[in-house]
């Protein structure tokens, strides 16, 4: 029987999202395979995390495409993006805390590409007078990532209703980022 790699990765993502310190034994059990089978496909935790990273980047790219970032007001594009990325938010929350992914020369270029696309959205909102210009696009991008990770954790722990995910993130981010008319 062939290993369903996607199933293993999604099972690992679901477990690691809830329990970031899970062992490879626990990951194998969650995926319904033996530890030996898991190790044949992923030499260790680092290889598994790198595979999850590739999955996370691919899911983010798909969400960015689905969100149509260049269409309409930037604030609406942000809302579409958060809605589109919600199914992968737990995986992204896990990856967001994996410092090994963001250090050194082996950093995946996919992260920089995602950052650039999201920052361009915020830059477009600033150029159009919709978003504050005193907050850099880089900062707004990091704030968005942080809010998505926090919301994913809050939802997974049952402290927040899943239906509120997009509203909580966009209202807090945009409520602080929207340019206010001067009195």
N, C-alpha and C. Protein backbone atom coordinates (compact mmCIF):
# COMPACT_ATOMS: atom_id res chain seq x y z
N UNK A 1 0.84 -1.18 0.00
CA UNK A 1 0.00 0.00 0.00
C UNK A 1 0.89 1.25 0.00
N UNK A 2 0.62 2.15 -0.91
CA UNK A 2 1.41 3.38 -1.01
C UNK A 2 1.03 4.35 0.10
N UNK A 3 2.02 5.04 0.56
CA UNK A 3 1.81 6.03 1.62
C UNK A 3 1.15 7.27 1.02
N UNK A 4 0.10 7.73 1.65
CA UNK A 4 -0.56 8.97 1.24
C UNK A 4 0.15 10.12 1.96
N UNK A 5 1.15 10.67 1.29
CA UNK A 5 2.00 11.71 1.89
C UNK A 5 1.17 12.92 2.36
N UNK A 6 0.19 13.31 1.55
CA UNK A 6 -0.64 14.45 1.92
C UNK A 6 -1.39 14.16 3.22
N UNK A 7 -1.92 12.94 3.36
CA UNK A 7 -2.62 12.57 4.59
C UNK A 7 -1.66 12.62 5.79
N UNK A 8 -0.46 12.11 5.62
CA UNK A 8 0.52 12.12 6.71
C UNK A 8 0.84 13.56 7.11
N UNK A 9 1.09 14.41 6.11
CA UNK A 9 1.42 15.80 6.42
C UNK A 9 0.26 16.53 7.09
N UNK A 10 -0.94 16.33 6.61
CA UNK A 10 -2.10 17.01 7.23
C UNK A 10 -2.37 16.47 8.63
N UNK A 11 -2.15 15.18 8.84
CA UNK A 11 -2.31 14.62 10.19
C UNK A 11 -1.24 15.20 11.12
N UNK A 12 -0.02 15.29 10.63
CA UNK A 12 1.07 15.87 11.42
C UNK A 12 0.78 17.33 11.73
N UNK A 13 0.29 18.06 10.73
CA UNK A 13 -0.03 19.48 10.93
C UNK A 13 -1.12 19.64 11.98
N UNK A 14 -2.15 18.81 11.91
CA UNK A 14 -3.25 18.91 12.88
C UNK A 14 -2.74 18.63 14.29
N UNK A 15 -1.91 17.61 14.44
CA UNK A 15 -1.38 17.28 15.76
C UNK A 15 -0.43 18.36 16.26
N UNK A 16 0.52 18.76 15.43
CA UNK A 16 1.52 19.73 15.85
C UNK A 16 0.91 21.10 16.11
N UNK A 17 -0.20 21.38 15.48
CA UNK A 17 -0.90 22.63 15.75
C UNK A 17 -1.43 22.63 17.18
N UNK A 18 -1.92 21.50 17.61
CA UNK A 18 -2.44 21.38 18.98
C UNK A 18 -1.34 21.13 20.00
N UNK A 19 -0.30 20.40 19.58
CA UNK A 19 0.77 20.00 20.50
C UNK A 19 2.10 20.11 19.77
N UNK A 20 2.72 21.26 19.82
CA UNK A 20 3.93 21.52 19.04
C UNK A 20 5.11 20.66 19.46
N UNK A 21 5.05 20.08 20.65
CA UNK A 21 6.14 19.24 21.14
C UNK A 21 5.91 17.75 20.88
N UNK A 22 4.92 17.42 20.09
CA UNK A 22 4.60 16.01 19.81
C UNK A 22 5.83 15.28 19.27
N UNK A 23 5.98 14.05 19.67
CA UNK A 23 7.09 13.21 19.21
C UNK A 23 6.77 12.62 17.85
N UNK A 24 7.79 12.07 17.22
CA UNK A 24 7.58 11.40 15.94
C UNK A 24 6.66 10.19 16.14
N UNK A 25 6.75 9.52 17.28
CA UNK A 25 5.82 8.41 17.58
C UNK A 25 4.38 8.90 17.57
N UNK A 26 4.13 10.05 18.20
CA UNK A 26 2.78 10.61 18.25
C UNK A 26 2.31 11.03 16.86
N UNK A 27 3.22 11.57 16.07
CA UNK A 27 2.87 11.97 14.70
C UNK A 27 2.47 10.73 13.89
N UNK A 28 3.27 9.65 14.01
CA UNK A 28 2.97 8.41 13.30
C UNK A 28 1.61 7.88 13.71
N UNK A 29 1.34 7.87 15.01
CA UNK A 29 0.06 7.37 15.50
C UNK A 29 -1.09 8.20 14.94
N UNK A 30 -0.93 9.52 14.95
CA UNK A 30 -1.98 10.41 14.43
C UNK A 30 -2.25 10.16 12.95
N UNK A 31 -1.20 9.78 12.21
CA UNK A 31 -1.34 9.53 10.77
C UNK A 31 -1.78 8.10 10.48
N UNK A 32 -1.82 7.26 11.52
CA UNK A 32 -2.24 5.88 11.33
C UNK A 32 -1.19 5.01 10.67
N UNK A 33 0.08 5.34 10.89
CA UNK A 33 1.18 4.56 10.33
C UNK A 33 2.17 4.24 11.44
N UNK A 34 3.10 3.36 11.14
CA UNK A 34 4.13 3.02 12.14
C UNK A 34 5.21 4.09 12.15
N UNK A 35 5.95 4.12 13.24
CA UNK A 35 7.06 5.08 13.35
C UNK A 35 8.09 4.78 12.28
N UNK A 36 8.33 3.50 12.00
CA UNK A 36 9.30 3.11 10.97
C UNK A 36 8.89 3.65 9.60
N UNK A 37 7.61 3.56 9.29
CA UNK A 37 7.12 4.08 8.01
C UNK A 37 7.30 5.59 7.95
N UNK A 38 6.97 6.27 9.04
CA UNK A 38 7.15 7.71 9.09
C UNK A 38 8.62 8.07 8.85
N UNK A 39 9.53 7.35 9.50
CA UNK A 39 10.96 7.65 9.37
C UNK A 39 11.50 7.30 7.98
N UNK A 40 10.88 6.37 7.29
CA UNK A 40 11.30 6.07 5.91
C UNK A 40 11.01 7.26 4.99
N UNK A 41 9.97 7.99 5.30
CA UNK A 41 9.57 9.11 4.45
C UNK A 41 10.09 10.46 4.96
N UNK A 42 10.31 10.55 6.25
CA UNK A 42 10.82 11.78 6.86
C UNK A 42 11.90 11.36 7.86
N UNK A 43 13.15 11.62 7.53
CA UNK A 43 14.28 11.12 8.31
C UNK A 43 14.25 11.54 9.77
N UNK A 44 13.55 12.58 10.08
CA UNK A 44 13.44 13.06 11.45
C UNK A 44 12.50 14.25 11.51
N UNK A 45 12.44 14.84 12.68
CA UNK A 45 11.53 15.97 12.87
C UNK A 45 11.85 17.12 11.92
N UNK A 46 13.13 17.39 11.71
CA UNK A 46 13.51 18.49 10.82
C UNK A 46 12.98 18.27 9.41
N UNK A 47 13.12 17.06 8.91
CA UNK A 47 12.62 16.75 7.56
C UNK A 47 11.10 16.88 7.51
N UNK A 48 10.43 16.46 8.56
CA UNK A 48 8.96 16.59 8.62
C UNK A 48 8.56 18.06 8.65
N UNK A 49 9.24 18.84 9.47
CA UNK A 49 8.92 20.27 9.56
C UNK A 49 9.17 20.95 8.22
N UNK A 50 10.25 20.58 7.53
CA UNK A 50 10.53 21.17 6.21
C UNK A 50 9.43 20.80 5.20
N UNK A 51 8.94 19.58 5.27
CA UNK A 51 7.84 19.18 4.38
C UNK A 51 6.57 19.95 4.73
N UNK A 52 6.33 20.16 6.02
CA UNK A 52 5.17 20.96 6.45
C UNK A 52 5.33 22.41 6.00
N UNK A 53 6.56 22.89 6.02
CA UNK A 53 6.83 24.25 5.55
C UNK A 53 6.45 24.38 4.08
N UNK A 54 6.85 23.42 3.27
CA UNK A 54 6.52 23.46 1.84
C UNK A 54 5.00 23.44 1.64
N UNK A 55 4.30 22.61 2.42
CA UNK A 55 2.85 22.56 2.36
C UNK A 55 2.25 23.91 2.77
N UNK A 56 2.75 24.49 3.85
CA UNK A 56 2.24 25.78 4.32
C UNK A 56 2.44 26.89 3.30
N UNK A 57 3.61 26.91 2.68
CA UNK A 57 3.89 27.93 1.66
C UNK A 57 2.95 27.75 0.48
N UNK A 58 2.76 26.51 0.05
CA UNK A 58 1.86 26.24 -1.08
C UNK A 58 0.44 26.66 -0.74
N UNK A 59 -0.01 26.37 0.47
CA UNK A 59 -1.37 26.75 0.87
C UNK A 59 -1.51 28.28 0.94
N UNK A 60 -0.48 28.95 1.41
CA UNK A 60 -0.52 30.42 1.45
C UNK A 60 -0.56 31.01 0.05
N UNK A 61 0.25 30.48 -0.84
CA UNK A 61 0.25 30.97 -2.23
C UNK A 61 -1.14 30.80 -2.85
N UNK A 62 -1.74 29.64 -2.61
CA UNK A 62 -3.09 29.40 -3.15
C UNK A 62 -4.10 30.39 -2.55
N UNK A 63 -3.97 30.66 -1.26
CA UNK A 63 -4.88 31.62 -0.61
C UNK A 63 -4.66 33.03 -1.17
N UNK A 64 -3.41 33.40 -1.40
CA UNK A 64 -3.14 34.72 -1.97
C UNK A 64 -3.74 34.84 -3.37
N UNK A 65 -3.64 33.77 -4.15
CA UNK A 65 -4.24 33.79 -5.48
C UNK A 65 -5.76 33.89 -5.38
N UNK A 66 -6.35 33.10 -4.49
CA UNK A 66 -7.81 33.09 -4.34
C UNK A 66 -8.34 34.43 -3.84
N UNK A 67 -7.54 35.14 -3.07
CA UNK A 67 -7.97 36.41 -2.48
C UNK A 67 -7.98 37.57 -3.47
N UNK A 68 -7.41 37.39 -4.65
CA UNK A 68 -7.41 38.44 -5.68
C UNK A 68 -6.93 39.76 -5.06
N UNK A 69 -5.70 39.80 -4.63
CA UNK A 69 -5.17 40.94 -3.88
C UNK A 69 -5.20 42.26 -4.63
N UNK A 70 -5.25 42.22 -5.94
CA UNK A 70 -5.24 43.46 -6.72
C UNK A 70 -6.63 43.99 -7.02
N UNK A 71 -7.67 43.28 -6.60
CA UNK A 71 -9.04 43.68 -6.91
C UNK A 71 -9.65 44.50 -5.78
N UNK A 72 -10.26 45.62 -6.14
CA UNK A 72 -11.02 46.41 -5.17
C UNK A 72 -10.18 47.05 -4.09
N UNK A 73 -10.86 47.55 -3.06
CA UNK A 73 -10.15 48.20 -1.96
C UNK A 73 -9.22 47.22 -1.24
N UNK A 74 -8.09 47.72 -0.76
CA UNK A 74 -7.11 46.89 -0.06
C UNK A 74 -7.73 46.23 1.17
N UNK A 75 -8.60 46.95 1.89
CA UNK A 75 -9.20 46.38 3.10
C UNK A 75 -10.06 45.16 2.76
N UNK A 76 -10.75 45.21 1.63
CA UNK A 76 -11.55 44.05 1.21
C UNK A 76 -10.66 42.89 0.79
N UNK A 77 -9.53 43.21 0.17
CA UNK A 77 -8.58 42.16 -0.22
C UNK A 77 -7.98 41.50 1.02
N UNK A 78 -7.73 42.28 2.07
CA UNK A 78 -7.24 41.71 3.33
C UNK A 78 -8.28 40.75 3.90
N UNK A 79 -9.54 41.16 3.89
CA UNK A 79 -10.61 40.29 4.39
C UNK A 79 -10.69 38.98 3.58
N UNK A 80 -10.59 39.12 2.25
CA UNK A 80 -10.62 37.92 1.40
C UNK A 80 -9.43 37.02 1.69
N UNK A 81 -8.28 37.63 1.91
CA UNK A 81 -7.07 36.85 2.21
C UNK A 81 -7.22 36.06 3.51
N UNK A 82 -7.68 36.71 4.55
CA UNK A 82 -7.84 36.03 5.84
C UNK A 82 -8.85 34.90 5.71
N UNK A 83 -9.94 35.14 5.01
CA UNK A 83 -10.94 34.07 4.78
C UNK A 83 -10.32 32.90 4.02
N UNK A 84 -9.54 33.22 3.00
CA UNK A 84 -8.95 32.17 2.16
C UNK A 84 -7.88 31.37 2.89
N UNK A 85 -7.20 32.01 3.80
CA UNK A 85 -6.09 31.33 4.50
C UNK A 85 -6.56 30.59 5.75
N UNK A 86 -7.78 30.86 6.19
CA UNK A 86 -8.28 30.25 7.43
C UNK A 86 -8.11 28.74 7.50
N UNK A 87 -8.40 27.96 6.45
CA UNK A 87 -8.23 26.51 6.57
C UNK A 87 -6.79 26.08 6.89
N UNK A 88 -5.81 26.88 6.53
CA UNK A 88 -4.41 26.55 6.79
C UNK A 88 -3.86 27.29 8.01
N UNK A 89 -4.69 28.02 8.72
CA UNK A 89 -4.20 28.87 9.81
C UNK A 89 -3.52 28.08 10.92
N UNK A 90 -4.03 26.93 11.25
CA UNK A 90 -3.40 26.12 12.29
C UNK A 90 -2.00 25.70 11.91
N UNK A 91 -1.84 25.25 10.68
CA UNK A 91 -0.51 24.88 10.19
C UNK A 91 0.40 26.09 10.21
N UNK A 92 -0.10 27.23 9.78
CA UNK A 92 0.72 28.44 9.77
C UNK A 92 1.09 28.87 11.18
N UNK A 93 0.18 28.69 12.13
CA UNK A 93 0.49 29.02 13.52
C UNK A 93 1.64 28.17 14.02
N UNK A 94 1.62 26.88 13.70
CA UNK A 94 2.72 26.00 14.08
C UNK A 94 4.02 26.45 13.42
N UNK A 95 3.98 26.68 12.11
CA UNK A 95 5.18 27.07 11.38
C UNK A 95 5.73 28.41 11.87
N UNK A 96 4.84 29.30 12.25
CA UNK A 96 5.23 30.63 12.73
C UNK A 96 6.15 30.55 13.95
N UNK A 97 6.01 29.48 14.73
CA UNK A 97 6.82 29.33 15.93
C UNK A 97 8.07 28.49 15.71
N UNK A 98 8.24 27.96 14.53
CA UNK A 98 9.40 27.11 14.23
C UNK A 98 10.57 27.99 13.79
N UNK A 99 11.34 28.47 14.74
CA UNK A 99 12.43 29.40 14.45
C UNK A 99 13.43 28.85 13.44
N UNK A 100 13.62 27.52 13.41
CA UNK A 100 14.58 26.94 12.48
C UNK A 100 14.23 27.26 11.04
N UNK A 101 12.99 27.58 10.76
CA UNK A 101 12.58 27.88 9.40
C UNK A 101 12.99 29.28 8.96
N UNK A 102 13.31 30.12 9.91
CA UNK A 102 13.56 31.52 9.59
C UNK A 102 14.97 31.97 9.91
N UNK A 103 15.85 31.01 10.15
CA UNK A 103 17.23 31.34 10.49
C UNK A 103 18.18 30.77 9.46
N UNK A 104 19.28 31.44 9.27
CA UNK A 104 20.36 30.90 8.46
C UNK A 104 20.13 30.96 6.97
N UNK A 105 21.05 30.31 6.28
CA UNK A 105 21.07 30.37 4.83
C UNK A 105 20.07 29.44 4.17
N UNK A 106 19.51 28.51 4.92
CA UNK A 106 18.58 27.56 4.33
C UNK A 106 17.13 28.03 4.39
N UNK A 107 16.93 29.30 4.67
CA UNK A 107 15.55 29.82 4.73
C UNK A 107 14.90 29.68 3.37
N UNK A 108 13.71 29.14 3.36
CA UNK A 108 12.96 28.92 2.13
C UNK A 108 12.58 30.26 1.51
N UNK A 109 12.91 30.43 0.25
CA UNK A 109 12.59 31.68 -0.45
C UNK A 109 11.09 31.92 -0.57
N UNK A 110 10.32 30.86 -0.38
CA UNK A 110 8.86 30.99 -0.44
C UNK A 110 8.33 31.98 0.57
N UNK A 111 8.95 32.03 1.76
CA UNK A 111 8.49 32.99 2.78
C UNK A 111 8.67 34.42 2.30
N UNK A 112 9.82 34.71 1.69
CA UNK A 112 10.08 36.06 1.19
C UNK A 112 9.09 36.43 0.10
N UNK A 113 8.74 35.45 -0.74
CA UNK A 113 7.77 35.72 -1.80
C UNK A 113 6.40 36.03 -1.21
N UNK A 114 5.99 35.27 -0.19
CA UNK A 114 4.71 35.54 0.48
C UNK A 114 4.73 36.92 1.11
N UNK A 115 5.80 37.22 1.83
CA UNK A 115 5.94 38.53 2.47
C UNK A 115 5.80 39.65 1.45
N UNK A 116 6.46 39.49 0.31
CA UNK A 116 6.44 40.53 -0.72
C UNK A 116 5.03 40.74 -1.28
N UNK A 117 4.30 39.66 -1.49
CA UNK A 117 2.94 39.79 -2.02
C UNK A 117 2.01 40.48 -1.03
N UNK A 118 2.13 40.11 0.24
CA UNK A 118 1.26 40.72 1.25
C UNK A 118 1.65 42.17 1.48
N UNK A 119 2.95 42.44 1.55
CA UNK A 119 3.41 43.82 1.73
C UNK A 119 2.95 44.70 0.57
N UNK A 120 2.95 44.15 -0.63
CA UNK A 120 2.49 44.92 -1.80
C UNK A 120 1.01 45.29 -1.65
N UNK A 121 0.22 44.41 -1.06
CA UNK A 121 -1.18 44.72 -0.80
C UNK A 121 -1.29 45.91 0.16
N UNK A 122 -0.52 45.87 1.24
CA UNK A 122 -0.57 46.98 2.19
C UNK A 122 -0.02 48.27 1.56
N UNK A 123 1.01 48.15 0.76
CA UNK A 123 1.57 49.32 0.07
C UNK A 123 0.51 49.93 -0.87
N UNK A 124 -0.24 49.07 -1.55
CA UNK A 124 -1.32 49.54 -2.44
C UNK A 124 -2.37 50.30 -1.65
N UNK A 125 -2.72 49.78 -0.47
CA UNK A 125 -3.70 50.46 0.39
C UNK A 125 -3.19 51.80 0.88
N UNK A 126 -1.89 51.87 1.14
CA UNK A 126 -1.31 53.15 1.57
C UNK A 126 -1.27 54.15 0.42
N UNK A 127 -0.86 53.68 -0.75
CA UNK A 127 -0.77 54.58 -1.91
C UNK A 127 -2.14 55.11 -2.31
N UNK A 128 -3.17 54.30 -2.07
CA UNK A 128 -4.53 54.72 -2.40
C UNK A 128 -5.18 55.56 -1.31
N UNK A 129 -4.44 55.85 -0.23
CA UNK A 129 -4.98 56.67 0.85
C UNK A 129 -5.91 55.93 1.78
N UNK A 130 -6.01 54.62 1.66
CA UNK A 130 -6.92 53.83 2.49
C UNK A 130 -6.29 53.42 3.82
N UNK A 131 -5.00 53.13 3.81
CA UNK A 131 -4.31 52.67 5.02
C UNK A 131 -3.29 53.70 5.49
N UNK A 132 -3.06 53.67 6.77
CA UNK A 132 -2.09 54.58 7.39
C UNK A 132 -0.72 54.41 6.76
N UNK A 133 -0.01 55.52 6.62
CA UNK A 133 1.33 55.46 6.03
C UNK A 133 2.43 55.45 7.09
N UNK A 134 2.06 55.63 8.35
CA UNK A 134 3.08 55.63 9.41
C UNK A 134 3.40 54.21 9.89
N UNK A 135 2.70 53.20 9.38
CA UNK A 135 2.98 51.80 9.68
C UNK A 135 3.52 51.17 8.41
N UNK A 136 4.72 50.62 8.47
CA UNK A 136 5.32 50.09 7.25
C UNK A 136 4.59 48.84 6.76
N UNK A 137 4.63 48.60 5.46
CA UNK A 137 4.03 47.37 4.92
C UNK A 137 4.64 46.11 5.56
N UNK A 138 5.93 46.16 5.86
CA UNK A 138 6.58 45.01 6.51
C UNK A 138 5.96 44.77 7.89
N UNK A 139 5.73 45.84 8.64
CA UNK A 139 5.13 45.69 9.97
C UNK A 139 3.69 45.18 9.86
N UNK A 140 2.93 45.72 8.94
CA UNK A 140 1.55 45.27 8.77
C UNK A 140 1.50 43.79 8.38
N UNK A 141 2.46 43.36 7.57
CA UNK A 141 2.55 41.94 7.19
C UNK A 141 2.82 41.08 8.41
N UNK A 142 3.80 41.46 9.22
CA UNK A 142 4.12 40.70 10.44
C UNK A 142 2.94 40.70 11.41
N UNK A 143 2.26 41.84 11.52
CA UNK A 143 1.10 41.92 12.40
C UNK A 143 0.00 40.97 11.93
N UNK A 144 -0.21 40.90 10.63
CA UNK A 144 -1.20 39.98 10.07
C UNK A 144 -0.84 38.54 10.41
N UNK A 145 0.43 38.16 10.23
CA UNK A 145 0.85 36.80 10.57
C UNK A 145 0.62 36.52 12.06
N UNK A 146 1.00 37.46 12.89
CA UNK A 146 0.82 37.27 14.33
C UNK A 146 -0.64 37.12 14.73
N UNK A 147 -1.49 37.95 14.15
CA UNK A 147 -2.92 37.86 14.45
C UNK A 147 -3.51 36.54 13.96
N UNK A 148 -3.08 36.08 12.78
CA UNK A 148 -3.60 34.81 12.28
C UNK A 148 -3.16 33.65 13.18
N UNK A 149 -1.91 33.67 13.62
CA UNK A 149 -1.43 32.61 14.51
C UNK A 149 -2.18 32.65 15.83
N UNK A 150 -2.34 33.83 16.40
CA UNK A 150 -3.06 33.96 17.68
C UNK A 150 -4.50 33.50 17.56
N UNK A 151 -5.16 33.88 16.48
CA UNK A 151 -6.55 33.47 16.29
C UNK A 151 -6.65 31.96 16.10
N UNK A 152 -5.71 31.38 15.35
CA UNK A 152 -5.73 29.92 15.15
C UNK A 152 -5.58 29.20 16.49
N UNK A 153 -4.68 29.67 17.34
CA UNK A 153 -4.50 29.04 18.65
C UNK A 153 -5.74 29.21 19.51
N UNK A 154 -6.31 30.41 19.51
CA UNK A 154 -7.51 30.66 20.32
C UNK A 154 -8.68 29.80 19.86
N UNK A 155 -8.83 29.64 18.56
CA UNK A 155 -9.90 28.79 18.03
C UNK A 155 -9.65 27.33 18.40
N UNK A 156 -8.41 26.87 18.21
CA UNK A 156 -8.11 25.46 18.49
C UNK A 156 -8.27 25.11 19.96
N UNK A 157 -8.09 26.08 20.84
CA UNK A 157 -8.26 25.85 22.28
C UNK A 157 -9.68 26.10 22.75
N UNK A 158 -10.57 26.47 21.83
CA UNK A 158 -11.96 26.67 22.17
C UNK A 158 -12.26 27.98 22.90
N UNK A 159 -11.32 28.90 22.90
CA UNK A 159 -11.54 30.19 23.56
C UNK A 159 -12.28 31.17 22.66
N UNK A 160 -12.29 30.87 21.36
CA UNK A 160 -12.92 31.75 20.38
C UNK A 160 -13.68 30.87 19.39
N UNK A 161 -14.83 31.32 18.96
CA UNK A 161 -15.63 30.57 18.00
C UNK A 161 -14.96 30.61 16.62
N UNK A 162 -14.89 29.48 15.94
CA UNK A 162 -14.27 29.46 14.61
C UNK A 162 -14.90 30.45 13.64
N UNK A 163 -16.21 30.69 13.76
CA UNK A 163 -16.88 31.60 12.84
C UNK A 163 -16.39 33.05 12.99
N UNK A 164 -15.71 33.34 14.11
CA UNK A 164 -15.23 34.70 14.36
C UNK A 164 -13.80 34.94 13.87
N UNK A 165 -13.15 33.93 13.32
CA UNK A 165 -11.74 34.01 12.92
C UNK A 165 -11.47 35.23 12.04
N UNK A 166 -12.12 35.33 10.91
CA UNK A 166 -11.85 36.41 9.96
C UNK A 166 -12.21 37.77 10.56
N UNK A 167 -13.35 37.85 11.21
CA UNK A 167 -13.79 39.12 11.78
C UNK A 167 -12.80 39.64 12.83
N UNK A 168 -12.38 38.77 13.73
CA UNK A 168 -11.45 39.20 14.79
C UNK A 168 -10.17 39.76 14.22
N UNK A 169 -9.60 39.05 13.26
CA UNK A 169 -8.32 39.46 12.70
C UNK A 169 -8.45 40.75 11.91
N UNK A 170 -9.39 40.78 10.99
CA UNK A 170 -9.48 41.94 10.11
C UNK A 170 -9.92 43.19 10.86
N UNK A 171 -10.81 43.05 11.79
CA UNK A 171 -11.27 44.24 12.51
C UNK A 171 -10.16 44.81 13.40
N UNK A 172 -9.39 43.95 14.04
CA UNK A 172 -8.30 44.46 14.87
C UNK A 172 -7.19 45.05 14.00
N UNK A 173 -6.80 44.32 12.96
CA UNK A 173 -5.73 44.83 12.11
C UNK A 173 -6.14 46.10 11.38
N UNK A 174 -7.27 46.06 10.71
CA UNK A 174 -7.68 47.22 9.93
C UNK A 174 -8.17 48.36 10.81
N UNK A 175 -8.73 48.05 11.95
CA UNK A 175 -9.15 49.11 12.87
C UNK A 175 -7.96 49.94 13.34
N UNK A 176 -6.79 49.31 13.37
CA UNK A 176 -5.58 50.02 13.76
C UNK A 176 -4.82 50.55 12.57
N UNK A 177 -5.09 50.03 11.39
CA UNK A 177 -4.31 50.41 10.21
C UNK A 177 -5.02 51.42 9.31
N UNK A 178 -6.34 51.54 9.44
CA UNK A 178 -7.06 52.46 8.58
C UNK A 178 -6.70 53.91 8.89
N UNK A 179 -6.56 54.68 7.87
CA UNK A 179 -6.25 56.10 8.03
C UNK A 179 -7.50 56.80 8.54
N UNK A 180 -7.34 57.61 9.54
CA UNK A 180 -8.47 58.35 10.12
C UNK A 180 -8.44 59.79 9.59
N UNK A 181 -9.61 60.30 9.36
CA UNK A 181 -9.71 61.71 8.94
C UNK A 181 -9.30 62.58 10.10
N UNK A 182 -8.52 63.57 9.81
CA UNK A 182 -8.07 64.49 10.86
C UNK A 182 -9.19 65.47 11.19
N UNK A 183 -9.33 65.77 12.47
CA UNK A 183 -10.39 66.69 12.91
C UNK A 183 -9.96 68.11 12.80
